[in-house]
Amino acid sequence: MGRGRAKAKQTKVARQLKYSAPNTDFDSLQRELSGGSDKSHDAWTDEQSWNTEDEWRRA
């Protein structure tokens, strides 16, 4: 008893997620999947890369 409202809320949220059409940037997705080198969209740069294996292990 008492689970009806929670289950109804979960069902409502699941239905919204299933049938919603999120705004997707397909051009950016295509660049990412094709291996394009658009640096403005890359969060990881060479300056942030691991310098040594020991530094990687300490992180």
N, C-alpha and C. Protein backbone atom coordinates (compact mmCIF):
# COMPACT_ATOMS: atom_id res chain seq x y z
N MET A 1 0.83 -1.18 0.00
CA MET A 1 0.00 0.00 0.00
C MET A 1 0.88 1.25 0.00
N GLY A 2 0.37 2.30 -0.61
CA GLY A 2 1.09 3.55 -0.62
C GLY A 2 2.11 3.68 -1.74
N ARG A 3 2.22 2.68 -2.58
CA ARG A 3 3.20 2.74 -3.65
C ARG A 3 2.59 3.26 -4.94
N GLY A 4 1.30 3.42 -4.99
CA GLY A 4 0.62 3.83 -6.22
C GLY A 4 1.08 5.16 -6.76
N ARG A 5 1.22 6.15 -5.90
CA ARG A 5 1.62 7.48 -6.36
C ARG A 5 3.06 7.47 -6.87
N ALA A 6 3.95 6.77 -6.17
CA ALA A 6 5.35 6.69 -6.60
C ALA A 6 5.47 5.96 -7.93
N LYS A 7 4.71 4.88 -8.08
CA LYS A 7 4.74 4.12 -9.33
C LYS A 7 4.18 4.96 -10.47
N ALA A 8 3.14 5.71 -10.22
CA ALA A 8 2.56 6.58 -11.24
C ALA A 8 3.56 7.64 -11.68
N LYS A 9 4.30 8.19 -10.74
CA LYS A 9 5.31 9.21 -11.06
C LYS A 9 6.43 8.60 -11.90
N GLN A 10 6.88 7.40 -11.53
CA GLN A 10 7.92 6.72 -12.30
C GLN A 10 7.44 6.43 -13.71
N THR A 11 6.19 6.00 -13.83
CA THR A 11 5.63 5.71 -15.15
C THR A 11 5.55 6.98 -15.99
N LYS A 12 5.14 8.08 -15.38
CA LYS A 12 5.05 9.35 -16.09
C LYS A 12 6.42 9.80 -16.59
N VAL A 13 7.43 9.72 -15.73
CA VAL A 13 8.78 10.13 -16.10
C VAL A 13 9.32 9.22 -17.21
N ALA A 14 9.11 7.91 -17.09
CA ALA A 14 9.58 6.97 -18.10
C ALA A 14 8.92 7.25 -19.45
N ARG A 15 7.65 7.56 -19.43
CA ARG A 15 6.92 7.86 -20.66
C ARG A 15 7.46 9.14 -21.30
N GLN A 16 7.75 10.16 -20.49
CA GLN A 16 8.31 11.41 -21.01
C GLN A 16 9.67 11.17 -21.65
N LEU A 17 10.51 10.36 -21.00
CA LEU A 17 11.82 10.07 -21.56
C LEU A 17 11.73 9.27 -22.85
N LYS A 18 10.78 8.34 -22.90
CA LYS A 18 10.64 7.47 -24.06
C LYS A 18 10.16 8.24 -25.28
N TYR A 19 9.23 9.15 -25.09
CA TYR A 19 8.60 9.79 -26.23
C TYR A 19 9.07 11.22 -26.48
N SER A 20 9.99 11.74 -25.66
CA SER A 20 10.47 13.09 -25.89
C SER A 20 11.49 13.09 -27.03
N ALA A 21 11.60 14.21 -27.68
CA ALA A 21 12.56 14.37 -28.77
C ALA A 21 13.60 15.39 -28.33
N PRO A 22 14.71 14.94 -27.74
CA PRO A 22 15.72 15.88 -27.27
C PRO A 22 16.39 16.61 -28.44
N ASN A 23 16.87 17.80 -28.17
CA ASN A 23 17.59 18.56 -29.20
C ASN A 23 18.99 17.98 -29.32
N THR A 24 19.27 17.36 -30.45
CA THR A 24 20.55 16.72 -30.68
C THR A 24 21.30 17.47 -31.76
N ASP A 25 22.55 17.78 -31.49
CA ASP A 25 23.40 18.43 -32.48
C ASP A 25 24.05 17.34 -33.33
N PHE A 26 23.41 17.01 -34.43
CA PHE A 26 23.88 15.90 -35.26
C PHE A 26 25.19 16.22 -35.97
N ASP A 27 25.44 17.49 -36.26
CA ASP A 27 26.72 17.86 -36.88
C ASP A 27 27.88 17.58 -35.93
N SER A 28 27.70 17.97 -34.67
CA SER A 28 28.74 17.72 -33.68
C SER A 28 28.92 16.21 -33.45
N LEU A 29 27.83 15.49 -33.42
CA LEU A 29 27.89 14.04 -33.25
C LEU A 29 28.63 13.39 -34.41
N GLN A 30 28.35 13.85 -35.63
CA GLN A 30 29.02 13.30 -36.81
C GLN A 30 30.52 13.56 -36.75
N ARG A 31 30.91 14.78 -36.35
CA ARG A 31 32.35 15.10 -36.22
C ARG A 31 33.01 14.20 -35.19
N GLU A 32 32.33 13.99 -34.06
CA GLU A 32 32.89 13.16 -33.00
C GLU A 32 33.05 11.71 -33.46
N LEU A 33 32.04 11.18 -34.13
CA LEU A 33 32.09 9.78 -34.55
C LEU A 33 33.05 9.56 -35.71
N SER A 34 33.23 10.57 -36.55
CA SER A 34 34.12 10.41 -37.70
C SER A 34 35.57 10.69 -37.34
N GLY A 35 35.81 11.13 -36.12
CA GLY A 35 37.19 11.39 -35.69
C GLY A 35 37.67 12.75 -36.14
N GLY A 36 36.78 13.65 -36.43
CA GLY A 36 37.16 15.00 -36.83
C GLY A 36 37.91 15.69 -35.71
N SER A 37 38.79 16.59 -36.07
CA SER A 37 39.61 17.26 -35.05
C SER A 37 39.14 18.69 -34.87
N ASP A 38 37.98 18.86 -34.29
CA ASP A 38 37.46 20.18 -33.97
C ASP A 38 37.81 20.47 -32.52
N LYS A 39 38.86 21.23 -32.30
CA LYS A 39 39.39 21.46 -30.95
C LYS A 39 38.42 22.22 -30.05
N SER A 40 37.48 22.97 -30.62
CA SER A 40 36.56 23.74 -29.78
C SER A 40 35.61 22.82 -29.03
N HIS A 41 35.44 21.60 -29.49
CA HIS A 41 34.53 20.67 -28.83
C HIS A 41 35.25 19.63 -27.98
N ASP A 42 36.58 19.60 -28.06
CA ASP A 42 37.34 18.62 -27.29
C ASP A 42 37.58 19.14 -25.88
N ALA A 43 37.19 18.37 -24.89
CA ALA A 43 37.39 18.77 -23.51
C ALA A 43 38.79 18.40 -23.03
N TRP A 44 39.43 17.45 -23.67
CA TRP A 44 40.72 16.94 -23.26
C TRP A 44 41.78 17.43 -24.24
N THR A 45 42.76 18.14 -23.77
CA THR A 45 43.80 18.67 -24.64
C THR A 45 45.14 18.02 -24.30
N ASP A 46 46.13 18.30 -25.12
CA ASP A 46 47.46 17.73 -24.90
C ASP A 46 48.06 18.20 -23.58
N GLU A 47 47.75 19.43 -23.16
CA GLU A 47 48.31 19.94 -21.92
C GLU A 47 47.79 19.16 -20.72
N GLN A 48 46.63 18.57 -20.85
CA GLN A 48 46.04 17.84 -19.74
C GLN A 48 46.40 16.35 -19.76
N SER A 49 47.11 15.90 -20.77
CA SER A 49 47.41 14.48 -20.87
C SER A 49 48.41 14.06 -19.81
N TRP A 50 48.49 12.78 -19.55
CA TRP A 50 49.40 12.26 -18.55
C TRP A 50 50.81 12.29 -19.10
N ASN A 51 51.72 12.83 -18.32
CA ASN A 51 53.10 12.94 -18.76
C ASN A 51 53.85 11.63 -18.61
N THR A 52 53.65 10.96 -17.52
CA THR A 52 54.36 9.71 -17.28
C THR A 52 53.38 8.67 -16.76
N GLU A 53 53.79 7.44 -16.81
CA GLU A 53 52.95 6.36 -16.30
C GLU A 53 52.77 6.49 -14.79
N ASP A 54 53.82 6.96 -14.09
CA ASP A 54 53.73 7.14 -12.64
C ASP A 54 52.69 8.19 -12.28
N GLU A 55 52.63 9.28 -13.06
CA GLU A 55 51.65 10.32 -12.81
C GLU A 55 50.25 9.77 -13.00
N TRP A 56 50.07 8.93 -13.98
CA TRP A 56 48.77 8.29 -14.21
C TRP A 56 48.38 7.41 -13.03
N ARG A 57 49.34 6.69 -12.49
CA ARG A 57 49.07 5.78 -11.38
C ARG A 57 48.69 6.53 -10.10
N ARG A 58 49.26 7.72 -9.90
CA ARG A 58 48.99 8.48 -8.69
C ARG A 58 47.58 9.11 -8.71
N ALA A 59 47.01 9.30 -9.88
CA ALA A 59 45.70 9.98 -10.00
C ALA A 59 44.57 9.13 -9.53
